[in-house]
Amino acid sequence: MLGMDDAPDRERQLRRQLDDLGSDVYVAEAEGGEIVGVVAIAYLRSLRQGRWSAVLDAARSPGEAGAPLLDQLIAFAEERARKRGCRRLSAWIEPDDGALRAALTSRGYHAGEVMTAELGLVEGL
């Protein structure tokens, strides 16, 4: 899908993602069937919030569809999270993803503190 590398285990990664009940992946298609956008949402029970929370794991709309579709994908993710009982939607943004950052900011999102560590892969998983 959009933005994924061509890793040898890509198909297995996609299958796991799409089979997971803790997340949703939605694809936007043009009239001819071309994929023009994708949004992925992960759901988790937050001890801190005392309720369900959602994380916008990915939102992509490259090419001609661009920013307007990206805004619609975020709005769609917000609605899906509400329907799943979430009162918060956070977003994981890569440092170089200016388009997503701009779209979220225009919708009233604000930056908070998130600390990240890259963990090495465990062989066999």
N, C-alpha and C. Protein backbone atom coordinates (compact mmCIF):
# COMPACT_ATOMS: atom_id res chain seq x y z
N MET A 1 0.84 -1.19 0.00
CA MET A 1 0.00 0.00 0.00
C MET A 1 0.87 1.23 0.00
N LEU A 2 0.24 2.37 0.00
CA LEU A 2 0.96 3.63 -0.13
C LEU A 2 1.98 3.81 0.98
N GLY A 3 3.20 4.14 0.58
CA GLY A 3 4.23 4.46 1.55
C GLY A 3 4.97 3.29 2.16
N MET A 4 4.62 2.06 1.80
CA MET A 4 5.32 0.90 2.34
C MET A 4 6.47 0.54 1.42
N ASP A 5 7.54 0.05 2.02
CA ASP A 5 8.67 -0.36 1.20
C ASP A 5 8.39 -1.73 0.59
N ASP A 6 9.28 -2.17 -0.26
CA ASP A 6 9.11 -3.46 -0.93
C ASP A 6 9.86 -4.57 -0.19
N ALA A 7 9.71 -4.62 1.11
CA ALA A 7 10.37 -5.65 1.91
C ALA A 7 9.88 -7.03 1.49
N PRO A 8 10.75 -8.04 1.61
CA PRO A 8 10.36 -9.40 1.19
C PRO A 8 9.13 -9.93 1.92
N ASP A 9 8.93 -9.52 3.17
CA ASP A 9 7.79 -10.02 3.94
C ASP A 9 6.61 -9.04 3.94
N ARG A 10 6.55 -8.17 2.93
CA ARG A 10 5.50 -7.16 2.85
C ARG A 10 4.10 -7.77 2.88
N GLU A 11 3.89 -8.84 2.12
CA GLU A 11 2.57 -9.47 2.07
C GLU A 11 2.15 -9.98 3.46
N ARG A 12 3.08 -10.59 4.17
CA ARG A 12 2.79 -11.10 5.52
C ARG A 12 2.47 -9.94 6.45
N GLN A 13 3.22 -8.84 6.36
CA GLN A 13 2.96 -7.67 7.18
C GLN A 13 1.56 -7.12 6.92
N LEU A 14 1.19 -7.00 5.66
CA LEU A 14 -0.14 -6.49 5.31
C LEU A 14 -1.24 -7.40 5.82
N ARG A 15 -1.07 -8.71 5.67
CA ARG A 15 -2.07 -9.67 6.13
C ARG A 15 -2.27 -9.55 7.64
N ARG A 16 -1.19 -9.46 8.38
CA ARG A 16 -1.30 -9.32 9.84
C ARG A 16 -2.02 -8.03 10.21
N GLN A 17 -1.67 -6.95 9.53
CA GLN A 17 -2.30 -5.66 9.82
C GLN A 17 -3.80 -5.71 9.56
N LEU A 18 -4.19 -6.28 8.44
CA LEU A 18 -5.60 -6.30 8.06
C LEU A 18 -6.42 -7.29 8.87
N ASP A 19 -5.79 -8.31 9.45
CA ASP A 19 -6.50 -9.31 10.26
C ASP A 19 -6.62 -8.91 11.73
N ASP A 20 -5.97 -7.86 12.15
CA ASP A 20 -5.93 -7.46 13.55
C ASP A 20 -7.19 -6.69 13.93
N LEU A 21 -7.95 -7.20 14.91
CA LEU A 21 -9.17 -6.52 15.35
C LEU A 21 -8.89 -5.25 16.14
N GLY A 22 -7.63 -5.05 16.53
CA GLY A 22 -7.25 -3.85 17.27
C GLY A 22 -6.91 -2.68 16.37
N SER A 23 -7.11 -2.86 15.08
CA SER A 23 -6.83 -1.76 14.16
C SER A 23 -7.74 -1.84 12.94
N ASP A 24 -7.89 -0.71 12.29
CA ASP A 24 -8.67 -0.62 11.06
C ASP A 24 -7.80 0.01 9.99
N VAL A 25 -7.93 -0.47 8.78
CA VAL A 25 -7.25 0.11 7.62
C VAL A 25 -8.32 0.38 6.56
N TYR A 26 -8.35 1.60 6.07
CA TYR A 26 -9.32 1.97 5.04
C TYR A 26 -8.56 2.52 3.84
N VAL A 27 -9.05 2.19 2.66
CA VAL A 27 -8.42 2.58 1.41
C VAL A 27 -9.39 3.45 0.62
N ALA A 28 -8.89 4.57 0.11
CA ALA A 28 -9.69 5.44 -0.76
C ALA A 28 -9.29 5.15 -2.20
N GLU A 29 -10.30 4.93 -3.03
CA GLU A 29 -10.06 4.63 -4.45
C GLU A 29 -10.68 5.69 -5.34
N ALA A 30 -10.00 5.96 -6.46
CA ALA A 30 -10.57 6.81 -7.49
C ALA A 30 -11.62 6.00 -8.25
N GLU A 31 -12.38 6.65 -9.09
CA GLU A 31 -13.45 5.97 -9.82
C GLU A 31 -12.94 4.79 -10.63
N GLY A 32 -11.72 4.85 -11.14
CA GLY A 32 -11.16 3.77 -11.93
C GLY A 32 -10.56 2.64 -11.10
N GLY A 33 -10.62 2.76 -9.77
CA GLY A 33 -10.09 1.71 -8.90
C GLY A 33 -8.68 1.96 -8.41
N GLU A 34 -8.05 3.05 -8.85
CA GLU A 34 -6.70 3.37 -8.40
C GLU A 34 -6.73 3.79 -6.92
N ILE A 35 -5.79 3.28 -6.13
CA ILE A 35 -5.70 3.68 -4.72
C ILE A 35 -5.13 5.09 -4.66
N VAL A 36 -5.88 6.00 -4.02
CA VAL A 36 -5.45 7.39 -3.92
C VAL A 36 -5.22 7.82 -2.47
N GLY A 37 -5.54 6.96 -1.52
CA GLY A 37 -5.33 7.30 -0.12
C GLY A 37 -5.51 6.10 0.77
N VAL A 38 -4.92 6.18 1.94
CA VAL A 38 -5.06 5.12 2.93
C VAL A 38 -4.99 5.75 4.32
N VAL A 39 -5.78 5.20 5.23
CA VAL A 39 -5.73 5.64 6.62
C VAL A 39 -5.80 4.40 7.51
N ALA A 40 -4.95 4.38 8.55
CA ALA A 40 -4.91 3.25 9.48
C ALA A 40 -5.06 3.79 10.89
N ILE A 41 -5.90 3.11 11.67
CA ILE A 41 -6.20 3.52 13.04
C ILE A 41 -5.97 2.34 13.96
N ALA A 42 -5.26 2.57 15.05
CA ALA A 42 -5.04 1.53 16.06
C ALA A 42 -5.83 1.92 17.31
N TYR A 43 -6.42 0.93 17.96
CA TYR A 43 -7.23 1.17 19.15
C TYR A 43 -6.56 0.53 20.35
N LEU A 44 -6.59 1.24 21.48
CA LEU A 44 -6.01 0.69 22.70
C LEU A 44 -6.77 1.16 23.92
N ARG A 45 -6.77 0.32 24.94
CA ARG A 45 -7.37 0.72 26.20
C ARG A 45 -6.33 1.51 26.96
N SER A 46 -6.65 2.74 27.30
CA SER A 46 -5.71 3.62 27.96
C SER A 46 -5.97 3.62 29.46
N LEU A 47 -5.00 3.20 30.24
CA LEU A 47 -5.13 3.27 31.69
C LEU A 47 -5.14 4.73 32.14
N ARG A 48 -4.35 5.53 31.49
CA ARG A 48 -4.27 6.94 31.84
C ARG A 48 -5.60 7.65 31.57
N GLN A 49 -6.23 7.35 30.43
CA GLN A 49 -7.50 7.97 30.07
C GLN A 49 -8.69 7.28 30.73
N GLY A 50 -8.50 6.03 31.12
CA GLY A 50 -9.60 5.28 31.72
C GLY A 50 -10.67 4.88 30.71
N ARG A 51 -10.31 4.84 29.44
CA ARG A 51 -11.25 4.51 28.37
C ARG A 51 -10.45 4.16 27.12
N TRP A 52 -11.17 3.92 26.04
CA TRP A 52 -10.51 3.61 24.78
C TRP A 52 -9.91 4.87 24.16
N SER A 53 -8.77 4.68 23.53
CA SER A 53 -8.12 5.73 22.77
C SER A 53 -7.80 5.20 21.39
N ALA A 54 -7.61 6.10 20.46
CA ALA A 54 -7.25 5.70 19.10
C ALA A 54 -5.98 6.44 18.70
N VAL A 55 -5.22 5.78 17.84
CA VAL A 55 -4.00 6.38 17.30
C VAL A 55 -4.09 6.34 15.78
N LEU A 56 -3.92 7.48 15.18
CA LEU A 56 -3.83 7.55 13.73
C LEU A 56 -2.44 7.05 13.36
N ASP A 57 -2.38 5.81 12.92
CA ASP A 57 -1.11 5.16 12.64
C ASP A 57 -0.53 5.60 11.31
N ALA A 58 -1.39 5.86 10.34
CA ALA A 58 -0.94 6.31 9.03
C ALA A 58 -2.09 7.00 8.31
N ALA A 59 -1.74 8.00 7.55
CA ALA A 59 -2.69 8.67 6.66
C ALA A 59 -1.88 9.18 5.48
N ARG A 60 -2.19 8.69 4.31
CA ARG A 60 -1.43 9.03 3.11
C ARG A 60 -2.38 9.34 1.96
N SER A 61 -2.02 10.38 1.22
CA SER A 61 -2.75 10.73 0.01
C SER A 61 -1.80 11.47 -0.92
N PRO A 62 -0.93 10.72 -1.58
CA PRO A 62 0.04 11.37 -2.46
C PRO A 62 -0.57 11.76 -3.80
N GLY A 63 0.17 12.48 -4.56
CA GLY A 63 -0.24 12.79 -5.93
C GLY A 63 -1.29 13.87 -6.01
N GLU A 64 -2.15 13.76 -7.02
CA GLU A 64 -3.14 14.79 -7.33
C GLU A 64 -4.19 14.96 -6.23
N ALA A 65 -4.54 13.88 -5.55
CA ALA A 65 -5.58 13.96 -4.51
C ALA A 65 -5.13 14.88 -3.38
N GLY A 66 -3.88 14.71 -2.94
CA GLY A 66 -3.21 15.59 -1.99
C GLY A 66 -3.95 15.97 -0.74
N ALA A 67 -3.76 17.24 -0.34
CA ALA A 67 -4.23 17.75 0.93
C ALA A 67 -5.75 17.64 1.16
N PRO A 68 -6.60 17.95 0.18
CA PRO A 68 -8.04 17.84 0.46
C PRO A 68 -8.46 16.42 0.85
N LEU A 69 -7.93 15.42 0.16
CA LEU A 69 -8.28 14.05 0.51
C LEU A 69 -7.67 13.65 1.85
N LEU A 70 -6.48 14.13 2.15
CA LEU A 70 -5.85 13.84 3.43
C LEU A 70 -6.73 14.36 4.57
N ASP A 71 -7.27 15.55 4.41
CA ASP A 71 -8.18 16.11 5.42
C ASP A 71 -9.42 15.23 5.57
N GLN A 72 -9.96 14.74 4.46
CA GLN A 72 -11.14 13.86 4.52
C GLN A 72 -10.79 12.53 5.20
N LEU A 73 -9.61 12.01 4.96
CA LEU A 73 -9.19 10.76 5.60
C LEU A 73 -9.08 10.93 7.11
N ILE A 74 -8.56 12.06 7.55
CA ILE A 74 -8.45 12.33 8.98
C ILE A 74 -9.84 12.46 9.60
N ALA A 75 -10.74 13.18 8.93
CA ALA A 75 -12.12 13.31 9.42
C ALA A 75 -12.79 11.94 9.52
N PHE A 76 -12.54 11.09 8.53
CA PHE A 76 -13.09 9.74 8.54
C PHE A 76 -12.53 8.96 9.74
N ALA A 77 -11.24 9.07 9.99
CA ALA A 77 -10.62 8.39 11.12
C ALA A 77 -11.21 8.87 12.44
N GLU A 78 -11.46 10.16 12.56
CA GLU A 78 -12.06 10.70 13.77
C GLU A 78 -13.45 10.10 14.00
N GLU A 79 -14.23 10.03 12.95
CA GLU A 79 -15.59 9.47 13.06
C GLU A 79 -15.55 7.99 13.43
N ARG A 80 -14.67 7.23 12.82
CA ARG A 80 -14.54 5.80 13.12
C ARG A 80 -14.12 5.61 14.59
N ALA A 81 -13.20 6.44 15.06
CA ALA A 81 -12.76 6.34 16.45
C ALA A 81 -13.91 6.66 17.41
N ARG A 82 -14.70 7.68 17.10
CA ARG A 82 -15.87 8.00 17.92
C ARG A 82 -16.83 6.81 17.99
N LYS A 83 -17.07 6.19 16.84
CA LYS A 83 -18.00 5.06 16.79
C LYS A 83 -17.48 3.85 17.57
N ARG A 84 -16.17 3.75 17.74
CA ARG A 84 -15.58 2.66 18.53
C ARG A 84 -15.51 3.02 20.01
N GLY A 85 -16.03 4.19 20.39
CA GLY A 85 -16.06 4.59 21.79
C GLY A 85 -14.84 5.35 22.26
N CYS A 86 -14.03 5.82 21.36
CA CYS A 86 -12.82 6.57 21.72
C CYS A 86 -13.15 8.04 21.93
N ARG A 87 -12.51 8.62 22.91
CA ARG A 87 -12.68 10.04 23.16
C ARG A 87 -11.44 10.83 22.76
N ARG A 88 -10.41 10.13 22.31
CA ARG A 88 -9.17 10.79 21.92
C ARG A 88 -8.61 10.11 20.68
N LEU A 89 -8.09 10.92 19.78
CA LEU A 89 -7.35 10.42 18.63
C LEU A 89 -6.01 11.13 18.62
N SER A 90 -4.96 10.37 18.80
CA SER A 90 -3.60 10.89 18.70
C SER A 90 -3.04 10.47 17.36
N ALA A 91 -1.94 11.06 16.96
CA ALA A 91 -1.35 10.72 15.66
C ALA A 91 0.14 10.48 15.82
N TRP A 92 0.60 9.43 15.18
CA TRP A 92 2.04 9.17 15.08
C TRP A 92 2.50 9.78 13.76
N ILE A 93 3.40 10.74 13.84
CA ILE A 93 3.86 11.46 12.65
C ILE A 93 5.36 11.32 12.53
N GLU A 94 5.80 10.96 11.35
CA GLU A 94 7.24 10.93 11.08
C GLU A 94 7.74 12.37 10.98
N PRO A 95 8.99 12.62 11.37
CA PRO A 95 9.51 14.00 11.34
C PRO A 95 9.43 14.67 9.97
N ASP A 96 9.52 13.89 8.90
CA ASP A 96 9.52 14.48 7.56
C ASP A 96 8.14 14.50 6.90
N ASP A 97 7.08 14.19 7.65
CA ASP A 97 5.73 14.16 7.07
C ASP A 97 5.02 15.50 7.29
N GLY A 98 5.48 16.49 6.56
CA GLY A 98 4.92 17.83 6.69
C GLY A 98 3.46 17.93 6.27
N ALA A 99 3.07 17.15 5.27
CA ALA A 99 1.68 17.21 4.79
C ALA A 99 0.71 16.75 5.89
N LEU A 100 1.02 15.64 6.56
CA LEU A 100 0.15 15.16 7.62
C LEU A 100 0.16 16.11 8.81
N ARG A 101 1.33 16.61 9.15
CA ARG A 101 1.43 17.57 10.26
C ARG A 101 0.56 18.80 9.97
N ALA A 102 0.64 19.33 8.75
CA ALA A 102 -0.15 20.51 8.38
C ALA A 102 -1.65 20.21 8.41
N ALA A 103 -2.04 19.05 7.92
CA ALA A 103 -3.46 18.68 7.91
C ALA A 103 -4.00 18.55 9.33
N LEU A 104 -3.23 17.93 10.21
CA LEU A 104 -3.67 17.78 11.60
C LEU A 104 -3.74 19.13 12.30
N THR A 105 -2.75 19.96 12.09
CA THR A 105 -2.74 21.30 12.71
C THR A 105 -3.95 22.11 12.26
N SER A 106 -4.29 22.01 10.98
CA SER A 106 -5.44 22.77 10.47
C SER A 106 -6.76 22.27 11.07
N ARG A 107 -6.78 21.04 11.58
CA ARG A 107 -7.97 20.48 12.21
C ARG A 107 -7.98 20.72 13.72
N GLY A 108 -6.98 21.43 14.26
CA GLY A 108 -6.96 21.76 15.68
C GLY A 108 -6.12 20.84 16.54
N TYR A 109 -5.38 19.93 15.96
CA TYR A 109 -4.49 19.06 16.74
C TYR A 109 -3.32 19.89 17.26
N HIS A 110 -2.78 19.48 18.39
CA HIS A 110 -1.63 20.18 18.95
C HIS A 110 -0.57 19.17 19.35
N ALA A 111 0.66 19.64 19.39
CA ALA A 111 1.79 18.76 19.71
C ALA A 111 1.84 18.50 21.21
N GLY A 112 2.20 17.28 21.55
CA GLY A 112 2.42 16.89 22.93
C GLY A 112 3.77 16.20 23.03
N GLU A 113 4.00 15.53 24.10
CA GLU A 113 5.27 14.83 24.29
C GLU A 113 5.10 13.35 24.00
N VAL A 114 5.91 12.86 23.11
CA VAL A 114 5.99 11.43 22.84
C VAL A 114 7.46 11.08 22.75
N MET A 115 7.86 10.08 23.47
CA MET A 115 9.24 9.63 23.40
C MET A 115 9.26 8.29 22.68
N THR A 116 10.20 8.14 21.77
CA THR A 116 10.24 6.97 20.92
C THR A 116 11.62 6.34 20.96
N ALA A 117 11.65 5.02 20.96
CA ALA A 117 12.90 4.27 20.83
C ALA A 117 12.70 3.24 19.74
N GLU A 118 13.64 3.15 18.83
CA GLU A 118 13.58 2.13 17.79
C GLU A 118 14.10 0.83 18.38
N LEU A 119 13.28 -0.20 18.35
CA LEU A 119 13.65 -1.50 18.88
C LEU A 119 14.09 -2.40 17.75
N GLY A 120 15.11 -3.17 17.98
CA GLY A 120 15.56 -4.10 16.96
C GLY A 120 14.53 -5.21 16.78
N LEU A 121 14.51 -5.82 15.60
CA LEU A 121 13.60 -6.90 15.31
C LEU A 121 14.06 -8.19 15.99
N VAL A 122 13.12 -8.98 16.44
CA VAL A 122 13.40 -10.29 17.00
C VAL A 122 13.23 -11.30 15.88
N GLU A 123 14.25 -12.07 15.64
CA GLU A 123 14.17 -13.05 14.56
C GLU A 123 13.07 -14.07 14.82
N GLY A 124 12.37 -14.44 13.75
CA GLY A 124 11.31 -15.44 13.84
C GLY A 124 9.93 -14.88 14.06
N LEU A 125 9.83 -13.57 14.27
CA LEU A 125 8.51 -12.97 14.46
C LEU A 125 8.06 -12.23 13.23
